Protein backbone atom coordinates (compact mmCIF):
# COMPACT_ATOMS: atom_id res chain seq x y z
CA MET A 1 -0.05 0.08 -0.07
CA SER A 2 1.99 3.13 -1.25
CA THR A 3 1.11 6.72 -0.14
CA PRO A 4 1.83 9.88 -1.95
CA HIS A 5 5.13 10.26 0.31
CA LEU A 6 6.06 6.71 0.70
CA LEU A 7 6.17 4.62 -2.48
CA LEU A 8 6.59 0.96 -3.15
CA HIS A 9 8.05 -0.17 -6.47
CA LYS A 10 8.76 -3.79 -7.35
CA GLU A 11 11.32 -4.91 -9.94
CA ALA A 12 11.62 -8.40 -9.05
CA PRO A 13 13.91 -9.87 -7.58
CA VAL A 14 14.39 -6.33 -5.91
CA ALA A 15 11.86 -3.70 -4.52
CA TRP A 16 12.35 -0.02 -4.00
CA ILE A 17 10.70 1.90 -1.02
CA THR A 18 11.00 5.68 -1.78
CA PHE A 19 10.70 8.53 0.54
CA ASN A 20 8.94 10.96 -1.55
CA LYS A 21 8.58 14.45 0.07
CA PRO A 22 11.33 16.49 -1.91
CA GLU A 23 9.70 19.78 -0.81
CA ARG A 24 10.65 18.99 2.64
CA ARG A 25 13.91 17.07 1.71
CA ASN A 26 11.99 13.76 2.31
CA ALA A 27 11.42 14.52 6.02
CA VAL A 28 9.53 11.60 7.62
CA SER A 29 5.91 12.64 8.86
CA LEU A 30 4.03 10.72 11.26
CA GLU A 31 1.75 9.30 8.48
CA MET A 32 4.82 8.05 6.68
CA TRP A 33 6.04 6.26 9.79
CA GLN A 34 2.90 4.66 10.07
CA ALA A 35 2.84 3.32 6.49
CA LEU A 36 6.29 2.02 6.33
CA PRO A 37 5.40 -1.30 8.19
CA GLU A 38 2.78 -2.15 5.76
CA LEU A 39 4.86 -1.73 2.91
CA VAL A 40 7.71 -3.76 4.45
CA ALA A 41 5.26 -6.42 5.27
CA GLU A 42 4.18 -6.66 1.60
CA VAL A 43 7.74 -7.10 0.43
CA ALA A 44 8.15 -9.77 3.32
CA GLU A 45 5.02 -11.67 1.73
CA ASP A 46 6.14 -11.35 -1.99
CA LYS A 47 8.18 -14.71 -2.64
CA ASP A 48 9.53 -13.01 -5.94
CA ILE A 49 11.40 -10.18 -3.95
CA ARG A 50 14.74 -10.93 -2.50
CA VAL A 51 16.35 -7.46 -1.52
CA LEU A 52 14.79 -4.30 -0.37
CA LEU A 53 16.16 -1.03 -1.49
CA LEU A 54 15.49 2.17 0.16
CA ARG A 55 15.98 5.64 -1.39
CA GLY A 56 14.80 9.23 -1.44
CA THR A 57 13.23 11.36 -4.11
CA GLY A 58 14.98 14.40 -5.69
CA GLU A 59 18.79 15.48 -5.73
CA GLU A 60 19.07 16.94 -2.21
CA ALA A 61 18.29 14.28 0.39
CA PHE A 62 17.82 10.78 1.22
CA ILE A 63 15.84 11.48 4.31
CA SER A 64 16.60 15.03 6.03
CA GLY A 65 15.05 13.80 9.34
CA ALA A 66 11.82 13.79 11.12
CA ASP A 67 9.34 16.51 9.77
CA ILE A 68 9.73 19.01 12.61
CA SER A 69 6.85 20.99 11.32
CA GLN A 70 4.64 18.56 13.00
CA PHE A 71 6.31 18.45 16.33
CA GLY A 72 3.97 21.13 17.77
CA ALA A 73 1.20 18.75 17.18
CA VAL A 74 2.47 15.23 17.60
CA ARG A 75 5.67 15.79 19.78
CA SER A 76 4.89 18.77 21.99
CA ASN A 77 5.75 16.95 25.10
CA ALA A 78 6.56 13.49 26.35
CA GLU A 79 2.92 12.40 26.88
CA VAL A 80 1.66 13.60 23.47
CA SER A 81 4.65 12.04 21.60
CA GLN A 82 3.82 8.33 22.59
CA THR A 83 1.69 7.78 19.42
CA TYR A 84 4.77 9.29 17.29
CA ASP A 85 7.10 7.25 19.22
CA ARG A 86 5.30 3.98 18.88
CA ALA A 87 4.88 4.58 15.20
CA SER A 88 8.56 5.54 14.32
CA GLY A 89 9.46 2.40 16.65
CA ALA A 90 7.46 0.09 14.70
CA ALA A 91 8.57 1.47 11.40
CA LEU A 92 12.21 1.19 12.33
CA ALA A 93 11.73 -2.38 13.80
CA SER A 94 10.06 -3.40 10.65
CA LEU A 95 13.21 -2.87 8.62
CA ALA A 96 15.35 -4.55 11.40
CA THR A 97 13.28 -7.78 11.46
CA LEU A 98 12.48 -8.26 7.75
CA GLU A 99 14.12 -11.64 6.87
CA LYS A 100 15.21 -10.25 3.21
CA PRO A 101 18.31 -7.90 3.23
CA VAL A 102 17.54 -4.04 3.26
CA VAL A 103 20.04 -1.72 1.44
CA ALA A 104 19.93 2.16 1.88
CA MET A 105 20.79 4.07 -1.14
CA ILE A 106 22.03 7.45 0.46
CA HIS A 107 22.69 10.65 -1.49
CA GLY A 108 22.74 14.28 0.00
CA ILE A 109 21.34 14.94 3.32
CA CYS A 110 20.93 12.12 5.85
CA PHE A 111 20.13 13.70 9.07
CA GLY A 112 18.42 12.70 12.40
CA GLY A 113 15.60 10.31 11.57
CA GLY A 114 17.24 9.56 8.26
CA CYS A 115 20.23 8.26 10.02
CA SER A 116 17.92 6.09 12.18
CA VAL A 117 16.47 4.51 9.08
CA ALA A 118 19.82 4.06 7.41
CA VAL A 119 21.40 2.15 10.35
CA MET A 120 18.41 -0.09 10.65
CA CYS A 121 19.21 -1.31 7.26
CA ASP A 122 21.66 -3.98 6.67
CA LEU A 123 23.96 -2.38 4.12
CA ARG A 124 24.40 1.25 3.30
CA LEU A 125 25.73 2.65 -0.01
CA CYS A 126 26.22 6.40 -0.30
CA SER A 127 27.22 8.86 -2.93
CA ASP A 128 30.20 11.09 -2.49
CA ASP A 129 28.08 14.07 -1.81
CA ALA A 130 26.22 12.40 1.22
CA ARG A 131 26.35 14.28 4.59
CA PHE A 132 25.27 12.76 7.98
CA CYS A 133 24.27 14.21 11.12
CA ILE A 134 22.22 13.48 14.22
CA PRO A 135 21.28 16.88 15.60
CA ALA A 136 19.37 15.72 18.76
CA ALA A 137 21.72 17.74 21.04
CA ARG A 138 20.71 20.67 19.30
CA LEU A 139 17.09 20.17 19.85
CA SER A 140 17.31 18.80 23.38
CA VAL A 141 16.11 15.41 22.10
CA ALA A 142 17.18 12.13 23.69
CA TYR A 143 17.07 9.53 21.12
CA PRO A 144 15.55 6.23 22.36
CA VAL A 145 17.93 3.26 22.91
CA GLU A 146 15.76 0.80 21.11
CA ARG A 147 15.07 3.19 18.12
CA GLY A 148 18.38 4.00 16.93
CA VAL A 149 21.25 4.39 19.60
CA GLU A 150 21.72 0.75 20.04
CA ARG A 151 22.07 -0.05 16.58
CA LEU A 152 24.21 3.13 16.05
CA VAL A 153 26.61 1.62 18.63
CA HIS A 154 26.61 -1.69 16.94
CA VAL A 155 27.48 -0.13 13.52
CA VAL A 156 30.13 2.37 14.43
CA GLY A 157 31.17 1.58 17.79
CA ALA A 158 30.73 3.46 21.30
CA ALA A 159 33.35 6.09 20.70
CA ASN A 160 32.04 7.06 17.16
CA ALA A 161 28.41 7.01 18.47
CA THR A 162 29.07 9.22 21.36
CA GLU A 163 30.72 11.69 19.24
CA ILE A 164 27.95 11.61 16.78
CA LEU A 165 25.45 12.15 19.32
CA VAL A 166 26.98 14.80 21.63
CA THR A 167 28.64 16.88 18.99
CA ALA A 168 25.79 17.03 16.47
CA ARG A 169 28.20 17.54 13.69
CA VAL A 170 28.04 16.98 10.20
CA TYR A 171 30.17 14.17 8.45
CA ASN A 172 30.97 14.01 4.95
CA ALA A 173 30.84 10.53 2.97
CA GLU A 174 34.55 9.91 3.63
CA GLU A 175 34.27 10.21 7.20
CA ALA A 176 31.36 8.18 7.46
CA TYR A 177 33.02 5.36 5.42
CA HIS A 178 36.07 5.38 7.82
CA MET A 179 33.94 5.26 10.97
CA GLY A 180 31.89 2.21 9.20
CA LEU A 181 28.63 4.11 9.01
CA VAL A 182 28.55 3.26 5.22
CA ASN A 183 29.76 0.26 3.32
CA ARG A 184 30.71 1.93 0.13
CA VAL A 185 31.08 5.51 -1.17
CA ILE A 186 30.16 5.78 -4.92
CA PRO A 187 30.40 8.69 -7.37
CA LYS A 188 26.67 10.32 -7.37
CA ALA A 189 26.28 9.75 -11.06
CA GLU A 190 26.81 5.98 -10.59
CA LEU A 191 25.06 5.63 -7.40
CA GLU A 192 21.76 4.02 -8.61
CA SER A 193 23.28 1.76 -11.20
CA TYR A 194 25.73 0.62 -8.76
CA THR A 195 23.25 -0.03 -6.01
CA ARG A 196 20.92 -1.91 -8.51
CA GLU A 197 23.78 -4.27 -9.59
CA TYR A 198 24.76 -4.65 -5.96
CA ALA A 199 21.41 -5.92 -4.94
CA LEU A 200 20.93 -7.99 -7.89
CA LYS A 201 24.13 -10.00 -6.90
CA ILE A 202 22.68 -10.28 -3.47
CA ALA A 203 19.53 -11.49 -4.95
CA ASP A 204 21.55 -14.18 -6.98
CA ASN A 205 22.77 -15.93 -3.77
CA ALA A 206 20.65 -18.51 -1.68
CA PRO A 207 17.75 -16.54 -0.05
CA LEU A 208 17.74 -18.93 2.94
CA SER A 209 21.36 -18.48 3.47
CA VAL A 210 21.03 -14.79 3.13
CA SER A 211 18.37 -14.51 5.49
CA ALA A 212 20.08 -16.68 8.06
CA HIS A 213 23.02 -14.65 8.10
CA LYS A 214 21.40 -11.33 8.44
CA PHE A 215 19.65 -12.93 11.67
CA PHE A 216 22.88 -14.11 12.94
CA VAL A 217 24.59 -10.84 12.68
CA ARG A 218 21.79 -9.13 14.52
CA GLU A 219 21.97 -11.93 17.29
CA VAL A 220 25.91 -11.46 17.72
CA GLY A 221 25.13 -7.92 18.67
CA LYS A 222 23.29 -9.07 21.62
CA ALA A 223 24.69 -10.36 25.01
CA ALA A 224 25.46 -14.06 24.77
CA THR A 225 22.58 -14.93 27.36
CA LEU A 226 20.04 -12.98 25.20
CA ARG A 227 20.55 -14.66 21.92
CA ASP A 228 17.82 -16.93 20.38
CA MET A 229 20.13 -19.79 19.92
CA GLU A 230 17.04 -22.06 19.13
CA LYS A 231 16.24 -19.98 16.05
CA VAL A 232 19.93 -20.03 15.04
CA ARG A 233 19.93 -23.66 15.03
CA GLU A 234 16.56 -23.74 13.17
CA TRP A 235 17.95 -21.51 10.46
CA THR A 236 21.07 -23.73 10.24
CA THR A 237 19.00 -26.90 9.94
CA ARG A 238 16.64 -25.18 7.49
CA CYS A 239 19.54 -24.22 5.23
CA PHE A 240 21.13 -27.62 5.03
CA ASN A 241 17.89 -29.44 4.69
CA SER A 242 16.98 -27.30 1.68
CA ASP A 243 16.76 -27.97 -1.96
CA ASP A 244 18.82 -24.84 -2.52
CA TYR A 245 21.77 -26.65 -0.53
CA LYS A 246 21.48 -29.62 -2.82
CA GLU A 247 21.49 -27.14 -5.83
CA GLY A 248 24.44 -25.11 -4.52
CA VAL A 249 26.67 -28.22 -4.05
CA ALA A 250 25.57 -29.67 -7.48
CA ALA A 251 26.21 -26.39 -9.19
CA PHE A 252 29.67 -25.97 -7.55
CA MET A 253 30.61 -29.58 -8.50
CA GLY A 254 29.25 -28.97 -12.03
CA LYS A 255 31.20 -25.73 -12.45
CA ARG A 256 27.97 -23.84 -13.28
CA ARG A 257 25.83 -21.04 -11.96
CA PRO A 258 23.24 -22.05 -9.22
CA LYS A 259 19.57 -21.59 -9.73
CA PHE A 260 18.26 -21.00 -6.16
CA GLN A 261 14.56 -21.18 -5.32
CA GLY A 262 14.28 -20.04 -1.83
CA LYS A 263 13.17 -23.75 -0.77
């Protein structure tokens, strides 16, 4: 279910969700947060889709942050902001828990809530003009641990996360790459074609193995006592008992390209 400001487009085996509010540099409204889990669920249910890509409309921004013009109505104080916080939390969680890999294609501005969306993705590719910032300290906002801070620490480490949050400074693409915030920096003119090819290479791999490793990486970020080892074992067994495992071995032995079905 696409909305005017949040669009879902499928090009099997990949799908794109586009933040489409260029007049506000794709700032995320409450309505957009509320719509995102439905679109992610549609991707989850579509067996022809193997990779989800996120992007922003226009030349200026991936996502410039939350739509501050709404804050007087939906985030005027802690009590009023509960609906907003639940919606944004559910939206970010939908990206983190989707079994299929999620790739952020970032250009221009990636500030505040845009960074929260980006770090919830599994992989981040950015153009050489990308800029990153979490300006919470300039707004007297405390980012909830479960909606960005925890994941940010896992992605860039405690020292870098602390600097990002307490200085509220802007980082360029190369700085973001060197701290591990992004996986690749691409010339802007090549970003979309590179991202599409990158996603297709992921989609060409065995879907069960890709999903298993996405889950494993997330579990490793937890304390050992909190990891869902039963589900880890289930994923391992599922991969070894799959038709795709037989196909992968047969293709390797036959020196041919495997044809995986996700079964």
